[in-house]
Structures are given as C-alpha cells and as structure tokens.
Amino acid sequence: MNVRRLSQSERRRLIIQRGAFMSAPSRRPEIRRRRTRKEKIKKLQKRLAAAGSGSDRTRIESKLDRLGRTSPGQPLAKA
C-alpha cells in the first residue's frame, strides 16, 4: 500500500476543491449569523419560561419550532 503525505499546498488545494475552505470576509457574516441566531433563541427561551398565558406560550413555541427546523439535534422548546 503506497501512502504518502500531502504537502501543504496539496492539502490546501484539496480543501478548496471540496468547498470546506472559507476566507475571512465570507466567514465573518456566517459567524455573525450564528451568534445572532443563538441570541434570538436564548431570548425566546427566556420569554417562554416567563410567559403566563397560553396564547403567548403557543406563539413563542411556534417561533422556537420554526427556528428548530433548521437546527439538528435537541429541540429548542421542550415538548
């Protein structure tokens, strides 16, 4: 079995070809989107915990459900 190590330039070219590489200008908006999304989720979860009436709870739960559709893993609102 012939296994050789890739040089740094070959490794970089392979990463770029696979589309896993993001330059700093394109990475910044992605980081900002993720941060604001996390902040929005935390804010909605706090509002859900403090919500008194059933209509408020269902409205906030639907918003969290909508945000949860795009995030895999744990549900954002407890069932």
N, C-alpha and C. Protein backbone atom coordinates (compact mmCIF):
# COMPACT_ATOMS: atom_id res chain seq x y z
N MET A 1 0.83 -1.17 0.00
CA MET A 1 0.00 0.00 0.00
C MET A 1 0.89 1.24 0.00
N ASN A 2 0.72 2.07 -1.00
CA ASN A 2 1.55 3.25 -1.15
C ASN A 2 0.82 4.46 -0.57
N VAL A 3 1.24 4.88 0.62
CA VAL A 3 0.63 6.03 1.28
C VAL A 3 1.69 7.11 1.39
N ARG A 4 1.36 8.29 0.88
CA ARG A 4 2.30 9.39 1.01
C ARG A 4 1.60 10.57 1.65
N ARG A 5 2.38 11.37 2.33
CA ARG A 5 1.82 12.55 2.97
C ARG A 5 1.64 13.65 1.94
N LEU A 6 0.57 14.41 2.10
CA LEU A 6 0.32 15.53 1.20
C LEU A 6 1.12 16.74 1.64
N SER A 7 1.63 17.47 0.67
CA SER A 7 2.31 18.72 1.02
C SER A 7 1.26 19.75 1.43
N GLN A 8 1.72 20.83 2.00
CA GLN A 8 0.79 21.86 2.47
C GLN A 8 0.00 22.45 1.31
N SER A 9 0.65 22.68 0.18
CA SER A 9 -0.07 23.25 -0.97
C SER A 9 -1.09 22.25 -1.52
N GLU A 10 -0.75 20.96 -1.54
CA GLU A 10 -1.71 19.94 -2.00
C GLU A 10 -2.90 19.85 -1.05
N ARG A 11 -2.62 19.93 0.24
CA ARG A 11 -3.69 19.87 1.24
C ARG A 11 -4.63 21.07 1.09
N ARG A 12 -4.05 22.26 0.90
CA ARG A 12 -4.84 23.48 0.73
C ARG A 12 -5.70 23.38 -0.53
N ARG A 13 -5.11 22.89 -1.62
CA ARG A 13 -5.86 22.74 -2.87
C ARG A 13 -7.00 21.75 -2.71
N LEU A 14 -6.77 20.67 -1.98
CA LEU A 14 -7.80 19.67 -1.74
C LEU A 14 -8.95 20.25 -0.91
N ILE A 15 -8.62 21.04 0.10
CA ILE A 15 -9.65 21.67 0.94
C ILE A 15 -10.48 22.63 0.11
N ILE A 16 -9.83 23.42 -0.73
CA ILE A 16 -10.55 24.39 -1.56
C ILE A 16 -11.45 23.67 -2.55
N GLN A 17 -10.97 22.57 -3.13
CA GLN A 17 -11.77 21.82 -4.10
C GLN A 17 -13.01 21.23 -3.45
N ARG A 18 -12.90 20.80 -2.22
CA ARG A 18 -14.05 20.21 -1.52
C ARG A 18 -15.04 21.26 -1.05
N GLY A 19 -14.66 22.51 -1.09
CA GLY A 19 -15.56 23.58 -0.67
C GLY A 19 -15.59 23.81 0.82
N ALA A 20 -14.64 23.25 1.56
CA ALA A 20 -14.62 23.39 3.01
C ALA A 20 -13.89 24.66 3.45
N PHE A 21 -13.25 25.32 2.53
CA PHE A 21 -12.45 26.49 2.87
C PHE A 21 -13.29 27.75 2.75
N MET A 22 -13.22 28.59 3.77
CA MET A 22 -13.91 29.88 3.72
C MET A 22 -12.89 30.96 4.04
N SER A 23 -12.86 32.00 3.23
CA SER A 23 -11.96 33.11 3.51
C SER A 23 -12.53 33.94 4.66
N ALA A 24 -11.70 34.79 5.22
CA ALA A 24 -12.14 35.60 6.36
C ALA A 24 -13.34 36.49 6.05
N PRO A 25 -13.37 37.18 4.89
CA PRO A 25 -14.54 38.02 4.62
C PRO A 25 -15.85 37.24 4.51
N SER A 26 -15.79 36.00 4.04
CA SER A 26 -17.02 35.22 3.94
C SER A 26 -17.34 34.51 5.25
N ARG A 27 -16.34 34.34 6.11
CA ARG A 27 -16.56 33.67 7.39
C ARG A 27 -17.21 34.60 8.41
N ARG A 28 -16.87 35.89 8.36
CA ARG A 28 -17.40 36.84 9.34
C ARG A 28 -18.92 36.93 9.34
N PRO A 29 -19.57 37.08 8.19
CA PRO A 29 -21.04 37.12 8.21
C PRO A 29 -21.66 35.83 8.74
N GLU A 30 -21.02 34.70 8.44
CA GLU A 30 -21.53 33.41 8.93
C GLU A 30 -21.45 33.36 10.45
N ILE A 31 -20.34 33.82 11.00
CA ILE A 31 -20.18 33.84 12.46
C ILE A 31 -21.21 34.78 13.08
N ARG A 32 -21.44 35.94 12.46
CA ARG A 32 -22.43 36.89 12.97
C ARG A 32 -23.83 36.30 12.92
N ARG A 33 -24.16 35.60 11.82
CA ARG A 33 -25.48 34.96 11.71
C ARG A 33 -25.69 33.94 12.81
N ARG A 34 -24.66 33.14 13.05
CA ARG A 34 -24.79 32.12 14.10
C ARG A 34 -24.96 32.75 15.47
N ARG A 35 -24.18 33.82 15.74
CA ARG A 35 -24.26 34.47 17.05
C ARG A 35 -25.62 35.11 17.26
N THR A 36 -26.14 35.83 16.27
CA THR A 36 -27.44 36.47 16.44
C THR A 36 -28.54 35.44 16.55
N ARG A 37 -28.40 34.32 15.85
CA ARG A 37 -29.40 33.25 15.95
C ARG A 37 -29.42 32.67 17.37
N LYS A 38 -28.22 32.42 17.93
CA LYS A 38 -28.13 31.92 19.30
C LYS A 38 -28.76 32.89 20.29
N GLU A 39 -28.47 34.19 20.10
CA GLU A 39 -29.03 35.21 21.00
C GLU A 39 -30.55 35.24 20.89
N LYS A 40 -31.07 35.11 19.68
CA LYS A 40 -32.52 35.12 19.47
C LYS A 40 -33.17 33.92 20.15
N ILE A 41 -32.53 32.76 20.03
CA ILE A 41 -33.07 31.54 20.65
C ILE A 41 -33.09 31.69 22.17
N LYS A 42 -31.99 32.20 22.75
CA LYS A 42 -31.93 32.40 24.20
C LYS A 42 -33.03 33.36 24.66
N LYS A 43 -33.22 34.43 23.91
CA LYS A 43 -34.23 35.43 24.25
C LYS A 43 -35.63 34.80 24.22
N LEU A 44 -35.91 34.01 23.19
CA LEU A 44 -37.22 33.37 23.08
C LEU A 44 -37.43 32.33 24.19
N GLN A 45 -36.36 31.60 24.55
CA GLN A 45 -36.49 30.62 25.62
C GLN A 45 -36.77 31.30 26.96
N LYS A 46 -36.15 32.45 27.20
CA LYS A 46 -36.43 33.20 28.43
C LYS A 46 -37.87 33.70 28.43
N ARG A 47 -38.33 34.21 27.28
CA ARG A 47 -39.71 34.70 27.18
C ARG A 47 -40.70 33.55 27.36
N LEU A 48 -40.36 32.37 26.86
CA LEU A 48 -41.23 31.21 27.01
C LEU A 48 -41.33 30.81 28.48
N ALA A 49 -40.21 30.84 29.19
CA ALA A 49 -40.21 30.49 30.62
C ALA A 49 -41.04 31.48 31.43
N ALA A 50 -41.04 32.75 31.01
CA ALA A 50 -41.76 33.78 31.76
C ALA A 50 -43.19 33.99 31.26
N ALA A 51 -43.57 33.34 30.17
CA ALA A 51 -44.90 33.55 29.58
C ALA A 51 -45.98 33.04 30.52
N GLY A 52 -47.03 33.85 30.66
CA GLY A 52 -48.11 33.48 31.56
C GLY A 52 -49.28 32.84 30.84
N SER A 53 -49.78 33.49 29.82
CA SER A 53 -50.98 32.98 29.16
C SER A 53 -50.63 31.91 28.12
N GLY A 54 -51.61 31.10 27.82
CA GLY A 54 -51.42 30.01 26.86
C GLY A 54 -51.17 30.51 25.45
N SER A 55 -51.81 31.63 25.09
CA SER A 55 -51.62 32.15 23.73
C SER A 55 -50.19 32.64 23.53
N ASP A 56 -49.61 33.27 24.57
CA ASP A 56 -48.21 33.70 24.48
C ASP A 56 -47.30 32.49 24.33
N ARG A 57 -47.57 31.46 25.12
CA ARG A 57 -46.73 30.26 25.07
C ARG A 57 -46.77 29.61 23.69
N THR A 58 -47.98 29.47 23.12
CA THR A 58 -48.07 28.82 21.81
C THR A 58 -47.39 29.65 20.73
N ARG A 59 -47.51 30.97 20.82
CA ARG A 59 -46.87 31.84 19.83
C ARG A 59 -45.35 31.72 19.90
N ILE A 60 -44.81 31.75 21.13
CA ILE A 60 -43.36 31.65 21.30
C ILE A 60 -42.87 30.25 20.94
N GLU A 61 -43.64 29.22 21.31
CA GLU A 61 -43.26 27.85 20.95
C GLU A 61 -43.23 27.66 19.44
N SER A 62 -44.16 28.29 18.74
CA SER A 62 -44.16 28.16 17.28
C SER A 62 -42.93 28.84 16.67
N LYS A 63 -42.51 29.97 17.25
CA LYS A 63 -41.30 30.63 16.77
C LYS A 63 -40.07 29.76 17.01
N LEU A 64 -40.00 29.17 18.21
CA LEU A 64 -38.88 28.28 18.51
C LEU A 64 -38.91 27.04 17.63
N ASP A 65 -40.10 26.54 17.35
CA ASP A 65 -40.23 25.38 16.47
C ASP A 65 -39.73 25.71 15.07
N ARG A 66 -40.06 26.90 14.60
CA ARG A 66 -39.60 27.33 13.27
C ARG A 66 -38.08 27.42 13.23
N LEU A 67 -37.48 27.98 14.28
CA LEU A 67 -36.02 28.06 14.34
C LEU A 67 -35.40 26.67 14.49
N GLY A 68 -36.10 25.77 15.18
CA GLY A 68 -35.58 24.43 15.41
C GLY A 68 -35.58 23.55 14.18
N ARG A 69 -36.36 23.90 13.18
CA ARG A 69 -36.39 23.09 11.95
C ARG A 69 -35.07 23.11 11.23
N THR A 70 -34.34 24.20 11.35
CA THR A 70 -33.05 24.30 10.66
C THR A 70 -31.88 23.86 11.52
N SER A 71 -32.13 23.52 12.79
CA SER A 71 -31.03 23.09 13.64
C SER A 71 -31.23 21.62 14.01
N PRO A 72 -30.28 20.77 13.66
CA PRO A 72 -30.39 19.36 14.02
C PRO A 72 -30.09 19.16 15.50
N GLY A 73 -30.52 18.04 16.03
CA GLY A 73 -30.20 17.73 17.42
C GLY A 73 -31.36 17.96 18.35
N GLN A 74 -31.05 18.56 19.49
CA GLN A 74 -32.05 18.75 20.55
C GLN A 74 -33.11 19.76 20.12
N PRO A 75 -34.38 19.53 20.47
CA PRO A 75 -35.41 20.52 20.18
C PRO A 75 -35.19 21.78 21.02
N LEU A 76 -35.52 22.93 20.46
CA LEU A 76 -35.28 24.19 21.16
C LEU A 76 -36.31 24.44 22.25
N ALA A 77 -37.54 23.98 22.04
CA ALA A 77 -38.59 24.11 23.05
C ALA A 77 -38.92 22.73 23.57
N LYS A 78 -39.10 22.61 24.87
CA LYS A 78 -39.44 21.31 25.46
C LYS A 78 -40.88 20.97 25.12
N ALA A 79 -41.09 19.72 24.77
CA ALA A 79 -42.44 19.28 24.36
C ALA A 79 -43.38 19.15 25.52
